[in-house]
Structures are given as C-alpha cells and as structure tokens.
PDB file of N, CA and C in Angstrom:
ATOM      1  N   MET A   1     -42.623 -13.508  -4.672  1.00  0.00           N
ATOM      2  CA  MET A   1     -42.214 -14.862  -4.971  1.00  0.00           C
ATOM      3  C   MET A   1     -40.896 -14.818  -5.753  1.00  0.00           C
ATOM      4  N   LEU A   2     -39.951 -15.641  -5.321  1.00  0.00           N
ATOM      5  CA  LEU A   2     -38.634 -15.685  -5.935  1.00  0.00           C
ATOM      6  C   LEU A   2     -38.590 -16.798  -6.967  1.00  0.00           C
ATOM      7  N   PHE A   3     -38.177 -16.459  -8.162  1.00  0.00           N
ATOM      8  CA  PHE A   3     -38.073 -17.442  -9.228  1.00  0.00           C
ATOM      9  C   PHE A   3     -36.599 -17.715  -9.495  1.00  0.00           C
ATOM     10  N   VAL A   4     -36.186 -18.966  -9.361  1.00  0.00           N
ATOM     11  CA  VAL A   4     -34.801 -19.361  -9.581  1.00  0.00           C
ATOM     12  C   VAL A   4     -34.740 -20.217 -10.828  1.00  0.00           C
ATOM     13  N   GLN A   5     -33.816 -19.883 -11.693  1.00  0.00           N
ATOM     14  CA  GLN A   5     -33.659 -20.643 -12.920  1.00  0.00           C
ATOM     15  C   GLN A   5     -32.227 -21.127 -13.020  1.00  0.00           C
ATOM     16  N   THR A   6     -32.061 -22.367 -13.366  1.00  0.00           N
ATOM     17  CA  THR A   6     -30.739 -22.947 -13.538  1.00  0.00           C
ATOM     18  C   THR A   6     -30.248 -22.643 -14.943  1.00  0.00           C
ATOM     19  N   ILE A   7     -28.961 -22.256 -15.021  1.00  0.00           N
ATOM     20  CA  ILE A   7     -28.362 -21.999 -16.328  1.00  0.00           C
ATOM     21  C   ILE A   7     -27.102 -22.832 -16.463  1.00  0.00           C
ATOM     22  N   THR A   8     -26.701 -23.059 -17.675  1.00  0.00           N
ATOM     23  CA  THR A   8     -25.473 -23.795 -17.964  1.00  0.00           C
ATOM     24  C   THR A   8     -24.559 -22.869 -18.750  1.00  0.00           C
ATOM     25  N   ILE A   9     -23.281 -22.837 -18.341  1.00  0.00           N
ATOM     26  CA  ILE A   9     -22.324 -22.014 -19.064  1.00  0.00           C
ATOM     27  C   ILE A   9     -21.162 -22.881 -19.521  1.00  0.00           C
ATOM     28  N   LYS A  10     -20.562 -22.476 -20.606  1.00  0.00           N
ATOM     29  CA  LYS A  10     -19.366 -23.154 -21.086  1.00  0.00           C
ATOM     30  C   LYS A  10     -18.179 -22.270 -20.737  1.00  0.00           C
ATOM     31  N   VAL A  11     -17.171 -22.881 -20.115  1.00  0.00           N
ATOM     32  CA  VAL A  11     -15.979 -22.133 -19.728  1.00  0.00           C
ATOM     33  C   VAL A  11     -14.738 -22.878 -20.195  1.00  0.00           C
ATOM     34  N   ASN A  12     -13.666 -22.148 -20.288  1.00  0.00           N
ATOM     35  CA  ASN A  12     -12.372 -22.670 -20.672  1.00  0.00           C
ATOM     36  C   ASN A  12     -11.881 -23.658 -19.609  1.00  0.00           C
ATOM     37  N   ARG A  13     -11.102 -24.647 -20.004  1.00  0.00           N
ATOM     38  CA  ARG A  13     -10.550 -25.626 -19.053  1.00  0.00           C
ATOM     39  C   ARG A  13      -9.714 -24.937 -17.970  1.00  0.00           C
ATOM     40  N   ARG A  14      -9.063 -23.853 -18.341  1.00  0.00           N
ATOM     41  CA  ARG A  14      -8.244 -23.110 -17.364  1.00  0.00           C
ATOM     42  C   ARG A  14      -9.120 -22.591 -16.225  1.00  0.00           C
ATOM     43  N   ILE A  15     -10.309 -22.105 -16.552  1.00  0.00           N
ATOM     44  CA  ILE A  15     -11.234 -21.602 -15.540  1.00  0.00           C
ATOM     45  C   ILE A  15     -11.711 -22.738 -14.651  1.00  0.00           C
ATOM     46  N   VAL A  16     -11.970 -23.901 -15.240  1.00  0.00           N
ATOM     47  CA  VAL A  16     -12.400 -25.069 -14.463  1.00  0.00           C
ATOM     48  C   VAL A  16     -11.314 -25.454 -13.465  1.00  0.00           C
ATOM     49  N   LYS A  17     -10.055 -25.426 -13.905  1.00  0.00           N
ATOM     50  CA  LYS A  17      -8.944 -25.752 -12.998  1.00  0.00           C
ATOM     51  C   LYS A  17      -8.832 -24.727 -11.880  1.00  0.00           C
ATOM     52  N   VAL A  18      -9.047 -23.456 -12.196  1.00  0.00           N
ATOM     53  CA  VAL A  18      -9.005 -22.408 -11.175  1.00  0.00           C
ATOM     54  C   VAL A  18     -10.112 -22.640 -10.149  1.00  0.00           C
ATOM     55  N   VAL A  19     -11.292 -22.978 -10.619  1.00  0.00           N
ATOM     56  CA  VAL A  19     -12.426 -23.230  -9.723  1.00  0.00           C
ATOM     57  C   VAL A  19     -12.138 -24.433  -8.822  1.00  0.00           C
ATOM     58  N   GLU A  20     -11.604 -25.504  -9.380  1.00  0.00           N
ATOM     59  CA  GLU A  20     -11.263 -26.686  -8.582  1.00  0.00           C
ATOM     60  C   GLU A  20     -10.202 -26.353  -7.536  1.00  0.00           C
ATOM     61  N   GLU A  21      -9.232 -25.530  -7.909  1.00  0.00           N
ATOM     62  CA  GLU A  21      -8.181 -25.120  -6.971  1.00  0.00           C
ATOM     63  C   GLU A  21      -8.763 -24.261  -5.851  1.00  0.00           C
ATOM     64  N   MET A  22      -9.716 -23.401  -6.174  1.00  0.00           N
ATOM     65  CA  MET A  22     -10.363 -22.569  -5.163  1.00  0.00           C
ATOM     66  C   MET A  22     -11.069 -23.437  -4.120  1.00  0.00           C
ATOM     67  N   ILE A  23     -11.714 -24.487  -4.578  1.00  0.00           N
ATOM     68  CA  ILE A  23     -12.404 -25.391  -3.657  1.00  0.00           C
ATOM     69  C   ILE A  23     -11.396 -26.156  -2.813  1.00  0.00           C
ATOM     70  N   ARG A  24     -10.340 -26.663  -3.441  1.00  0.00           N
ATOM     71  CA  ARG A  24      -9.323 -27.440  -2.723  1.00  0.00           C
ATOM     72  C   ARG A  24      -8.651 -26.615  -1.629  1.00  0.00           C
ATOM     73  N   LEU A  25      -8.387 -25.342  -1.921  1.00  0.00           N
ATOM     74  CA  LEU A  25      -7.706 -24.475  -0.960  1.00  0.00           C
ATOM     75  C   LEU A  25      -8.647 -23.864   0.080  1.00  0.00           C
ATOM     76  N   GLY A  26      -9.942 -24.069  -0.092  1.00  0.00           N
ATOM     77  CA  GLY A  26     -10.887 -23.537   0.879  1.00  0.00           C
ATOM     78  C   GLY A  26     -11.314 -22.109   0.620  1.00  0.00           C
ATOM     79  N   ILE A  27     -11.005 -21.580  -0.534  1.00  0.00           N
ATOM     80  CA  ILE A  27     -11.431 -20.225  -0.880  1.00  0.00           C
ATOM     81  C   ILE A  27     -12.935 -20.217  -1.138  1.00  0.00           C
ATOM     82  N   ALA A  28     -13.439 -21.303  -1.721  1.00  0.00           N
ATOM     83  CA  ALA A  28     -14.872 -21.419  -2.015  1.00  0.00           C
ATOM     84  C   ALA A  28     -15.399 -22.721  -1.435  1.00  0.00           C
ATOM     85  N   ARG A  29     -16.695 -22.717  -1.072  1.00  0.00           N
ATOM     86  CA  ARG A  29     -17.320 -23.902  -0.484  1.00  0.00           C
ATOM     87  C   ARG A  29     -17.822 -24.885  -1.540  1.00  0.00           C
ATOM     88  N   SER A  30     -18.122 -24.385  -2.724  1.00  0.00           N
ATOM     89  CA  SER A  30     -18.661 -25.225  -3.783  1.00  0.00           C
ATOM     90  C   SER A  30     -18.296 -24.621  -5.134  1.00  0.00           C
ATOM     91  N   ARG A  31     -18.601 -25.353  -6.203  1.00  0.00           N
ATOM     92  CA  ARG A  31     -18.325 -24.820  -7.532  1.00  0.00           C
ATOM     93  C   ARG A  31     -19.147 -23.570  -7.791  1.00  0.00           C
ATOM     94  N   ASN A  32     -20.394 -23.599  -7.371  1.00  0.00           N
ATOM     95  CA  ASN A  32     -21.254 -22.442  -7.556  1.00  0.00           C
ATOM     96  C   ASN A  32     -20.673 -21.223  -6.833  1.00  0.00           C
ATOM     97  N   HIS A  33     -20.232 -21.431  -5.603  1.00  0.00           N
ATOM     98  CA  HIS A  33     -19.621 -20.346  -4.829  1.00  0.00           C
ATOM     99  C   HIS A  33     -18.351 -19.852  -5.521  1.00  0.00           C
ATOM    100  N   ALA A  34     -17.549 -20.768  -6.046  1.00  0.00           N
ATOM    101  CA  ALA A  34     -16.304 -20.401  -6.722  1.00  0.00           C
ATOM    102  C   ALA A  34     -16.586 -19.558  -7.972  1.00  0.00           C
ATOM    103  N   TYR A  35     -17.585 -19.962  -8.755  1.00  0.00           N
ATOM    104  CA  TYR A  35     -17.918 -19.172  -9.948  1.00  0.00           C
ATOM    105  C   TYR A  35     -18.439 -17.792  -9.561  1.00  0.00           C
ATOM    106  N   ASN A  36     -19.204 -17.708  -8.498  1.00  0.00           N
ATOM    107  CA  ASN A  36     -19.698 -16.406  -8.044  1.00  0.00           C
ATOM    108  C   ASN A  36     -18.538 -15.506  -7.608  1.00  0.00           C
ATOM    109  N   ILE A  37     -17.583 -16.061  -6.883  1.00  0.00           N
ATOM    110  CA  ILE A  37     -16.406 -15.283  -6.475  1.00  0.00           C
ATOM    111  C   ILE A  37     -15.629 -14.834  -7.706  1.00  0.00           C
ATOM    112  N   LEU A  38     -15.477 -15.733  -8.648  1.00  0.00           N
ATOM    113  CA  LEU A  38     -14.754 -15.429  -9.879  1.00  0.00           C
ATOM    114  C   LEU A  38     -15.428 -14.296 -10.654  1.00  0.00           C
ATOM    115  N   ILE A  39     -16.741 -14.314 -10.713  1.00  0.00           N
ATOM    116  CA  ILE A  39     -17.472 -13.263 -11.411  1.00  0.00           C
ATOM    117  C   ILE A  39     -17.341 -11.934 -10.678  1.00  0.00           C
ATOM    118  N   GLU A  40     -17.461 -11.967  -9.344  1.00  0.00           N
ATOM    119  CA  GLU A  40     -17.423 -10.734  -8.561  1.00  0.00           C
ATOM    120  C   GLU A  40     -16.019 -10.127  -8.489  1.00  0.00           C
ATOM    121  N   ALA A  41     -15.018 -10.970  -8.247  1.00  0.00           N
ATOM    122  CA  ALA A  41     -13.662 -10.454  -8.016  1.00  0.00           C
ATOM    123  C   ALA A  41     -12.848 -10.340  -9.301  1.00  0.00           C
ATOM    124  N   GLY A  42     -13.105 -11.199 -10.257  1.00  0.00           N
ATOM    125  CA  GLY A  42     -12.315 -11.200 -11.479  1.00  0.00           C
ATOM    126  C   GLY A  42     -11.184 -12.213 -11.402  1.00  0.00           C
ATOM    127  N   LEU A  43     -10.758 -12.683 -12.540  1.00  0.00           N
ATOM    128  CA  LEU A  43      -9.724 -13.715 -12.617  1.00  0.00           C
ATOM    129  C   LEU A  43      -8.390 -13.280 -12.011  1.00  0.00           C
ATOM    130  N   PRO A  44      -7.883 -12.076 -12.288  1.00  0.00           N
ATOM    131  CA  PRO A  44      -6.584 -11.697 -11.697  1.00  0.00           C
ATOM    132  C   PRO A  44      -6.594 -11.714 -10.161  1.00  0.00           C
ATOM    133  N   LYS A  45      -7.653 -11.228  -9.551  1.00  0.00           N
ATOM    134  CA  LYS A  45      -7.747 -11.205  -8.094  1.00  0.00           C
ATOM    135  C   LYS A  45      -7.835 -12.623  -7.535  1.00  0.00           C
ATOM    136  N   VAL A  46      -8.580 -13.495  -8.212  1.00  0.00           N
ATOM    137  CA  VAL A  46      -8.709 -14.881  -7.765  1.00  0.00           C
ATOM    138  C   VAL A  46      -7.370 -15.603  -7.880  1.00  0.00           C
ATOM    139  N   LEU A  47      -6.640 -15.368  -8.959  1.00  0.00           N
ATOM    140  CA  LEU A  47      -5.316 -15.988  -9.104  1.00  0.00           C
ATOM    141  C   LEU A  47      -4.371 -15.507  -8.007  1.00  0.00           C
ATOM    142  N   GLU A  48      -4.488 -14.244  -7.639  1.00  0.00           N
ATOM    143  CA  GLU A  48      -3.689 -13.694  -6.543  1.00  0.00           C
ATOM    144  C   GLU A  48      -4.052 -14.375  -5.219  1.00  0.00           C
ATOM    145  N   LEU A  49      -5.328 -14.581  -4.974  1.00  0.00           N
ATOM    146  CA  LEU A  49      -5.780 -15.275  -3.764  1.00  0.00           C
ATOM    147  C   LEU A  49      -5.251 -16.707  -3.718  1.00  0.00           C
ATOM    148  N   ILE A  50      -5.283 -17.380  -4.861  1.00  0.00           N
ATOM    149  CA  ILE A  50      -4.800 -18.758  -4.924  1.00  0.00           C
ATOM    150  C   ILE A  50      -3.312 -18.815  -4.610  1.00  0.00           C
ATOM    151  N   GLU A  51      -2.523 -17.910  -5.188  1.00  0.00           N
ATOM    152  CA  GLU A  51      -1.082 -17.891  -4.910  1.00  0.00           C
ATOM    153  C   GLU A  51      -0.813 -17.636  -3.429  1.00  0.00           C
ATOM    154  N   HIS A  52      -1.567 -16.711  -2.841  1.00  0.00           N
ATOM    155  CA  HIS A  52      -1.405 -16.406  -1.416  1.00  0.00           C
ATOM    156  C   HIS A  52      -1.723 -17.639  -0.564  1.00  0.00           C
ATOM    157  N   LYS A  53      -2.826 -18.315  -0.874  1.00  0.00           N
ATOM    158  CA  LYS A  53      -3.212 -19.516  -0.118  1.00  0.00           C
ATOM    159  C   LYS A  53      -2.172 -20.620  -0.271  1.00  0.00           C
ATOM    160  N   LYS A  54      -1.601 -20.756  -1.469  1.00  0.00           N
ATOM    161  CA  LYS A  54      -0.580 -21.780  -1.688  1.00  0.00           C
ATOM    162  C   LYS A  54       0.673 -21.490  -0.849  1.00  0.00           C
ATOM    163  N   LYS A  55       1.062 -20.212  -0.769  1.00  0.00           N
ATOM    164  CA  LYS A  55       2.220 -19.840   0.041  1.00  0.00           C
ATOM    165  C   LYS A  55       1.963 -20.127   1.514  1.00  0.00           C
ATOM    166  N   VAL A  56       0.780 -19.790   1.979  1.00  0.00           N
ATOM    167  CA  VAL A  56       0.418 -20.055   3.375  1.00  0.00           C
ATOM    168  C   VAL A  56       0.429 -21.552   3.634  1.00  0.00           C
ATOM    169  N   GLU A  57      -0.121 -22.324   2.720  1.00  0.00           N
ATOM    170  CA  GLU A  57      -0.166 -23.779   2.871  1.00  0.00           C
ATOM    171  C   GLU A  57       1.239 -24.376   2.911  1.00  0.00           C
ATOM    172  N   SER A  58       2.132 -23.889   2.046  1.00  0.00           N
ATOM    173  CA  SER A  58       3.497 -24.436   2.028  1.00  0.00           C
ATOM    174  C   SER A  58       4.254 -24.066   3.302  1.00  0.00           C
ATOM    175  N   LEU A  59       4.076 -22.842   3.795  1.00  0.00           N
ATOM    176  CA  LEU A  59       4.729 -22.462   5.046  1.00  0.00           C
ATOM    177  C   LEU A  59       4.187 -23.267   6.221  1.00  0.00           C
ATOM    178  N   THR A  60       2.898 -23.487   6.232  1.00  0.00           N
ATOM    179  CA  THR A  60       2.292 -24.282   7.299  1.00  0.00           C
ATOM    180  C   THR A  60       2.850 -25.693   7.293  1.00  0.00           C
ATOM    181  N   ASP A  61       2.932 -26.314   6.111  1.00  0.00           N
ATOM    182  CA  ASP A  61       3.498 -27.657   6.009  1.00  0.00           C
ATOM    183  C   ASP A  61       4.952 -27.670   6.464  1.00  0.00           C
ATOM    184  N   LYS A  62       5.714 -26.667   6.056  1.00  0.00           N
ATOM    185  CA  LYS A  62       7.122 -26.578   6.448  1.00  0.00           C
ATOM    186  C   LYS A  62       7.256 -26.477   7.959  1.00  0.00           C
ATOM    187  N   PHE A  63       6.460 -25.625   8.584  1.00  0.00           N
ATOM    188  CA  PHE A  63       6.536 -25.451  10.037  1.00  0.00           C
ATOM    189  C   PHE A  63       6.067 -26.698  10.776  1.00  0.00           C
ATOM    190  N   LEU A  64       5.095 -27.420  10.217  1.00  0.00           N
ATOM    191  CA  LEU A  64       4.630 -28.651  10.853  1.00  0.00           C
ATOM    192  C   LEU A  64       5.701 -29.737  10.805  1.00  0.00           C
ATOM    193  N   HIS A  65       6.450 -29.797   9.707  1.00  0.00           N
ATOM    194  CA  HIS A  65       7.473 -30.832   9.562  1.00  0.00           C
ATOM    195  C   HIS A  65       8.795 -30.450  10.227  1.00  0.00           C
ATOM    196  N   GLU A  66       9.193 -29.190  10.116  1.00  0.00           N
ATOM    197  CA  GLU A  66      10.500 -28.767  10.619  1.00  0.00           C
ATOM    198  C   GLU A  66      10.411 -28.047  11.961  1.00  0.00           C
ATOM    199  N   GLY A  67       9.228 -27.650  12.353  1.00  0.00           N
ATOM    200  CA  GLY A  67       9.072 -26.881  13.581  1.00  0.00           C
ATOM    201  C   GLY A  67       9.219 -25.395  13.284  1.00  0.00           C
ATOM    202  N   LEU A  68       8.727 -24.585  14.202  1.00  0.00           N
ATOM    203  CA  LEU A  68       8.829 -23.134  14.025  1.00  0.00           C
ATOM    204  C   LEU A  68      10.261 -22.672  14.224  1.00  0.00           C
ATOM    205  N   PRO A  69      10.701 -21.673  13.495  1.00  0.00           N
ATOM    206  CA  PRO A  69      12.074 -21.168  13.663  1.00  0.00           C
ATOM    207  C   PRO A  69      12.167 -20.326  14.942  1.00  0.00           C
ATOM    208  N   TYR A  70      12.734 -20.903  15.984  1.00  0.00           N
ATOM    209  CA  TYR A  70      12.810 -20.220  17.275  1.00  0.00           C
ATOM    210  C   TYR A  70      14.093 -19.428  17.479  1.00  0.00           C
ATOM    211  N   GLU A  71      15.004 -19.432  16.514  1.00  0.00           N
ATOM    212  CA  GLU A  71      16.263 -18.731  16.696  1.00  0.00           C
ATOM    213  C   GLU A  71      16.038 -17.224  16.735  1.00  0.00           C
ATOM    214  N   ASN A  72      16.802 -16.560  17.558  1.00  0.00           N
ATOM    215  CA  ASN A  72      16.832 -15.097  17.646  1.00  0.00           C
ATOM    216  C   ASN A  72      15.503 -14.471  18.058  1.00  0.00           C
ATOM    217  N   LEU A  73      14.673 -15.221  18.744  1.00  0.00           N
ATOM    218  CA  LEU A  73      13.442 -14.639  19.278  1.00  0.00           C
ATOM    219  C   LEU A  73      13.758 -13.999  20.621  1.00  0.00           C
ATOM    220  N   PRO A  74      13.091 -12.901  20.990  1.00  0.00           N
ATOM    221  CA  PRO A  74      13.372 -12.255  22.270  1.00  0.00           C
ATOM    222  C   PRO A  74      12.943 -13.135  23.441  1.00  0.00           C
ATOM    223  N   THR A  75      13.728 -13.094  24.497  1.00  0.00           N
ATOM    224  CA  THR A  75      13.405 -13.846  25.701  1.00  0.00           C
ATOM    225  C   THR A  75      12.533 -12.979  26.605  1.00  0.00           C
ATOM    226  N   VAL A  76      12.066 -13.557  27.685  1.00  0.00           N
ATOM    227  CA  VAL A  76      11.236 -12.826  28.645  1.00  0.00           C
ATOM    228  C   VAL A  76      12.032 -11.652  29.220  1.00  0.00           C
ATOM    229  N   GLU A  77      13.305 -11.883  29.490  1.00  0.00           N
ATOM    230  CA  GLU A  77      14.147 -10.814  30.031  1.00  0.00           C
ATOM    231  C   GLU A  77      14.267  -9.646  29.044  1.00  0.00           C
ATOM    232  N   ASP A  78      14.416  -9.961  27.760  1.00  0.00           N
ATOM    233  CA  ASP A  78      14.511  -8.911  26.739  1.00  0.00           C
ATOM    234  C   ASP A  78      13.229  -8.086  26.681  1.00  0.00           C
ATOM    235  N   VAL A  79      12.109  -8.744  26.779  1.00  0.00           N
ATOM    236  CA  VAL A  79      10.826  -8.043  26.723  1.00  0.00           C
ATOM    237  C   VAL A  79      10.655  -7.169  27.958  1.00  0.00           C
ATOM    238  N   GLU A  80      10.971  -7.713  29.135  1.00  0.00           N
ATOM    239  CA  GLU A  80      10.842  -6.946  30.372  1.00  0.00           C
ATOM    240  C   GLU A  80      11.784  -5.743  30.375  1.00  0.00           C
ATOM    241  N   GLU A  81      12.995  -5.939  29.853  1.00  0.00           N
ATOM    242  CA  GLU A  81      13.962  -4.850  29.772  1.00  0.00           C
ATOM    243  C   GLU A  81      13.458  -3.750  28.838  1.00  0.00           C
ATOM    244  N   GLY A  82      12.843  -4.144  27.753  1.00  0.00           N
ATOM    245  CA  GLY A  82      12.288  -3.174  26.815  1.00  0.00           C
ATOM    246  C   GLY A  82      11.134  -2.401  27.419  1.00  0.00           C
ATOM    247  N   ARG A  83      10.370  -3.021  28.274  1.00  0.00           N
ATOM    248  CA  ARG A  83       9.240  -2.333  28.914  1.00  0.00           C
ATOM    249  C   ARG A  83       9.707  -1.331  29.960  1.00  0.00           C
ATOM    250  N   GLU A  84      10.850  -1.621  30.589  1.00  0.00           N
ATOM    251  CA  GLU A  84      11.365  -0.740  31.630  1.00  0.00           C
ATOM    252  C   GLU A  84      11.911   0.548  31.053  1.00  0.00           C
ATOM    253  N   ARG A  85      12.296   0.537  29.802  1.00  0.00           N
ATOM    254  CA  ARG A  85      12.886   1.721  29.201  1.00  0.00           C
ATOM    255  C   ARG A  85      11.910   2.798  28.986  1.00  0.00           C
TER     256      ARG A  85
END
C-alpha cells in the first residue's frame, strides 16, 4: 500500500519565479513537476534550460515574423554537383 503525504515548503520568491517561467516555457507541466525538476537537476541547470528555451522562442518568433533566412542556401544543382564528386 502506497502512502502519500502532502507537504508544504517555503521558498524564495526567486525560486517561485523560476518555477512559473518553467511552466510558461513548457519545461514543466505543473508546479509540482517544476519543483521536482528543480530538485533533481539543480538551480544552475534549470536556469540554463530556461535561457536555452528563451533563445529558441525568440528565434522562432523572429522567423515567423521575418521569414526564414534563405540567402546563400545551396540549390538543387549545388547538391547534385556535390554528390557527383
């Protein structure tokens, strides 16, 4: 038989903001999940994940608004020529 007990913890406001950011960015599904990730991975790793997700989000928004940068991409002829070599 599994016994589950609810506990309450007090955390710094900075940790609460990190947890909320994790949920907003999709790193965690819920606050409980976010705290579990934070405990397992540690604050430095979680902050690194958040920065990475923010960079991905900003690039995605940029590409959606401005379009993908198509300059200097290889053409079909360039690819075929490279395969023949």
